[in-house]
Amino acid sequence: MKKYRWGMIGLGDIATQFAAGFSNEASELYGVSARSLAKVQAFAEKYAIPHAYESTDAMLEDPQIDIVYIAVPNDLHHEFIMKALMAGKHVLCEKAITTSADELAEELALAKEKI
């Protein structure tokens, strides 16, 4: 059985809850990225995440990442959803997924095209 590898973008409260509660035999929390490499490294160490990326782009370029959890402020969701989809990743985004119906329509169209 394939083991799905998750990448996380963002280190806020919800990301902390996600990492602390992550437990799944078919998946692993594989990598994390955010604006501050020092904070990413500390977060990765605390939650035993094997890869701390120096940038979100570097994480999205990693072919080992299958699914991306987006845990950034709402006004940044669209940007990172689109980047993750363009990289061919599946996406889970905390609520609210977008700030407009137009953004959601754009994301859904790209998801249908790429995934």
C-alpha atoms as a PDB file:
ATOM      1  CA  MET A   1       0.000   0.000   0.000  1.00  0.00           C
ATOM      2  CA  LYS A   2       1.289   3.465  -0.945  1.00  0.00           C
ATOM      3  CA  LYS A   3       2.154   5.710   1.966  1.00  0.00           C
ATOM      4  CA  TYR A   4       0.930   9.246   1.244  1.00  0.00           C
ATOM      5  CA  ARG A   5       3.336  12.026   2.167  1.00  0.00           C
ATOM      6  CA  TRP A   6       1.971  15.318   3.412  1.00  0.00           C
ATOM      7  CA  GLY A   7       3.560  18.729   3.240  1.00  0.00           C
ATOM      8  CA  MET A   8       2.365  21.646   5.365  1.00  0.00           C
ATOM      9  CA  ILE A   9       2.464  25.334   4.529  1.00  0.00           C
ATOM     10  CA  GLY A  10       2.279  27.570   7.611  1.00  0.00           C
ATOM     11  CA  LEU A  11       2.961  27.208  11.310  1.00  0.00           C
ATOM     12  CA  GLY A  12      -0.010  28.810  13.054  1.00  0.00           C
ATOM     13  CA  ASP A  13      -2.286  27.433  15.759  1.00  0.00           C
ATOM     14  CA  ILE A  14      -4.259  25.197  13.403  1.00  0.00           C
ATOM     15  CA  ALA A  15      -1.023  23.846  11.892  1.00  0.00           C
ATOM     16  CA  THR A  16       0.172  23.025  15.395  1.00  0.00           C
ATOM     17  CA  GLN A  17      -3.063  21.157  16.149  1.00  0.00           C
ATOM     18  CA  PHE A  18      -2.834  19.336  12.814  1.00  0.00           C
ATOM     19  CA  ALA A  19       0.773  18.245  13.411  1.00  0.00           C
ATOM     20  CA  ALA A  20       0.146  17.255  17.027  1.00  0.00           C
ATOM     21  CA  GLY A  21      -2.832  15.102  16.086  1.00  0.00           C
ATOM     22  CA  PHE A  22      -1.499  13.651  12.843  1.00  0.00           C
ATOM     23  CA  SER A  23      -1.578   9.872  12.994  1.00  0.00           C
ATOM     24  CA  ASN A  24      -2.346   7.630  10.076  1.00  0.00           C
ATOM     25  CA  GLU A  25      -0.806   4.331   9.020  1.00  0.00           C
ATOM     26  CA  ALA A  26      -1.300   5.171   5.335  1.00  0.00           C
ATOM     27  CA  SER A  27       0.233   8.653   5.568  1.00  0.00           C
ATOM     28  CA  GLU A  28       3.119  10.560   7.053  1.00  0.00           C
ATOM     29  CA  LEU A  29       3.735  14.208   7.782  1.00  0.00           C
ATOM     30  CA  TYR A  30       6.782  14.472   5.522  1.00  0.00           C
ATOM     31  CA  GLY A  31       7.635  18.169   5.249  1.00  0.00           C
ATOM     32  CA  VAL A  32       6.852  21.686   6.334  1.00  0.00           C
ATOM     33  CA  SER A  33       7.480  25.175   4.986  1.00  0.00           C
ATOM     34  CA  ALA A  34       6.839  28.745   6.087  1.00  0.00           C
ATOM     35  CA  ARG A  35       8.468  32.179   5.893  1.00  0.00           C
ATOM     36  CA  SER A  36      11.120  31.611   8.580  1.00  0.00           C
ATOM     37  CA  LEU A  37      13.501  28.690   8.108  1.00  0.00           C
ATOM     38  CA  ALA A  38      14.492  28.775  11.788  1.00  0.00           C
ATOM     39  CA  LYS A  39      10.835  28.430  12.836  1.00  0.00           C
ATOM     40  CA  VAL A  40      10.259  25.703  10.237  1.00  0.00           C
ATOM     41  CA  GLN A  41      13.232  23.735  11.550  1.00  0.00           C
ATOM     42  CA  ALA A  42      12.072  24.069  15.165  1.00  0.00           C
ATOM     43  CA  PHE A  43       8.524  23.010  14.206  1.00  0.00           C
ATOM     44  CA  ALA A  44       9.820  20.027  12.211  1.00  0.00           C
ATOM     45  CA  GLU A  45      11.983  18.923  15.123  1.00  0.00           C
ATOM     46  CA  LYS A  46       9.166  19.290  17.661  1.00  0.00           C
ATOM     47  CA  TYR A  47       6.741  17.164  15.612  1.00  0.00           C
ATOM     48  CA  ALA A  48       9.294  14.720  14.129  1.00  0.00           C
ATOM     49  CA  ILE A  49       8.732  15.937  10.570  1.00  0.00           C
ATOM     50  CA  PRO A  50      11.711  14.738   8.516  1.00  0.00           C
ATOM     51  CA  HIS A  51      11.938  17.645   6.048  1.00  0.00           C
ATOM     52  CA  ALA A  52      12.078  21.377   6.808  1.00  0.00           C
ATOM     53  CA  TYR A  53      12.059  23.293   3.528  1.00  0.00           C
ATOM     54  CA  GLU A  54      13.682  26.687   3.128  1.00  0.00           C
ATOM     55  CA  SER A  55      10.808  27.790   0.891  1.00  0.00           C
ATOM     56  CA  THR A  56       7.319  26.733  -0.059  1.00  0.00           C
ATOM     57  CA  ASP A  57       8.408  26.483  -3.683  1.00  0.00           C
ATOM     58  CA  ALA A  58      11.137  24.009  -2.686  1.00  0.00           C
ATOM     59  CA  MET A  59       8.582  21.881  -0.859  1.00  0.00           C
ATOM     60  CA  LEU A  60       6.141  21.963  -3.776  1.00  0.00           C
ATOM     61  CA  GLU A  61       8.917  20.892  -6.151  1.00  0.00           C
ATOM     62  CA  ASP A  62       9.626  17.785  -4.073  1.00  0.00           C
ATOM     63  CA  PRO A  63       8.122  14.814  -5.927  1.00  0.00           C
ATOM     64  CA  GLN A  64       7.822  12.929  -2.616  1.00  0.00           C
ATOM     65  CA  ILE A  65       5.032  15.275  -1.433  1.00  0.00           C
ATOM     66  CA  ASP A  66       1.592  13.983  -2.455  1.00  0.00           C
ATOM     67  CA  ILE A  67      -0.757  16.180  -0.448  1.00  0.00           C
ATOM     68  CA  VAL A  68      -0.399  19.724   0.869  1.00  0.00           C
ATOM     69  CA  TYR A  69      -2.144  21.052   3.955  1.00  0.00           C
ATOM     70  CA  ILE A  70      -2.480  24.832   3.778  1.00  0.00           C
ATOM     71  CA  ALA A  71      -2.524  26.559   7.158  1.00  0.00           C
ATOM     72  CA  VAL A  72      -1.851  30.203   6.379  1.00  0.00           C
ATOM     73  CA  PRO A  73      -4.066  33.290   6.883  1.00  0.00           C
ATOM     74  CA  ASN A  74      -7.243  33.224   4.774  1.00  0.00           C
ATOM     75  CA  ASP A  75      -6.124  35.973   2.416  1.00  0.00           C
ATOM     76  CA  LEU A  76      -3.165  33.786   1.352  1.00  0.00           C
ATOM     77  CA  HIS A  77      -5.130  30.569   0.759  1.00  0.00           C
ATOM     78  CA  HIS A  78      -5.785  31.203  -2.930  1.00  0.00           C
ATOM     79  CA  GLU A  79      -2.128  31.873  -3.747  1.00  0.00           C
ATOM     80  CA  PHE A  80      -0.910  28.689  -2.077  1.00  0.00           C
ATOM     81  CA  ILE A  81      -3.793  26.505  -3.306  1.00  0.00           C
ATOM     82  CA  MET A  82      -3.013  27.554  -6.867  1.00  0.00           C
ATOM     83  CA  LYS A  83       0.734  26.936  -6.417  1.00  0.00           C
ATOM     84  CA  ALA A  84       0.108  23.500  -4.931  1.00  0.00           C
ATOM     85  CA  LEU A  85      -2.321  22.536  -7.690  1.00  0.00           C
ATOM     86  CA  MET A  86       0.079  23.773 -10.375  1.00  0.00           C
ATOM     87  CA  ALA A  87       2.698  21.501  -8.809  1.00  0.00           C
ATOM     88  CA  GLY A  88       0.281  18.559  -9.170  1.00  0.00           C
ATOM     89  CA  LYS A  89      -0.388  18.188  -5.437  1.00  0.00           C
ATOM     90  CA  HIS A  90      -3.655  17.316  -3.753  1.00  0.00           C
ATOM     91  CA  VAL A  91      -4.770  20.052  -1.358  1.00  0.00           C
ATOM     92  CA  LEU A  92      -6.442  20.278   2.025  1.00  0.00           C
ATOM     93  CA  CYS A  93      -7.062  23.850   3.124  1.00  0.00           C
ATOM     94  CA  GLU A  94      -8.315  25.073   6.463  1.00  0.00           C
ATOM     95  CA  LYS A  95     -11.503  27.116   6.489  1.00  0.00           C
ATOM     96  CA  ALA A  96     -12.421  29.451   4.966  1.00  0.00           C
ATOM     97  CA  ILE A  97     -11.026  27.994   1.767  1.00  0.00           C
ATOM     98  CA  THR A  98     -11.226  31.279  -0.175  1.00  0.00           C
ATOM     99  CA  THR A  99     -12.277  34.866   0.220  1.00  0.00           C
ATOM    100  CA  SER A 100     -14.529  34.800  -2.868  1.00  0.00           C
ATOM    101  CA  ALA A 101     -16.580  32.495  -5.055  1.00  0.00           C
ATOM    102  CA  ASP A 102     -14.469  33.534  -8.060  1.00  0.00           C
ATOM    103  CA  GLU A 103     -11.291  32.281  -6.348  1.00  0.00           C
ATOM    104  CA  LEU A 104     -12.961  28.987  -5.523  1.00  0.00           C
ATOM    105  CA  ALA A 105     -14.153  28.549  -9.106  1.00  0.00           C
ATOM    106  CA  GLU A 106     -10.603  29.162 -10.358  1.00  0.00           C
ATOM    107  CA  GLU A 107      -9.191  26.634  -7.863  1.00  0.00           C
ATOM    108  CA  LEU A 108     -11.766  23.981  -8.746  1.00  0.00           C
ATOM    109  CA  ALA A 109     -11.121  24.384 -12.467  1.00  0.00           C
ATOM    110  CA  LEU A 110      -7.371  24.014 -11.952  1.00  0.00           C
ATOM    111  CA  ALA A 111      -7.866  21.009  -9.658  1.00  0.00           C
ATOM    112  CA  LYS A 112      -9.964  19.266 -12.306  1.00  0.00           C
ATOM    113  CA  GLU A 113      -7.272  19.976 -14.882  1.00  0.00           C
ATOM    114  CA  LYS A 114      -4.230  18.981 -12.802  1.00  0.00           C
ATOM    115  CA  ILE A 115      -5.292  16.269 -10.391  1.00  0.00           C
END
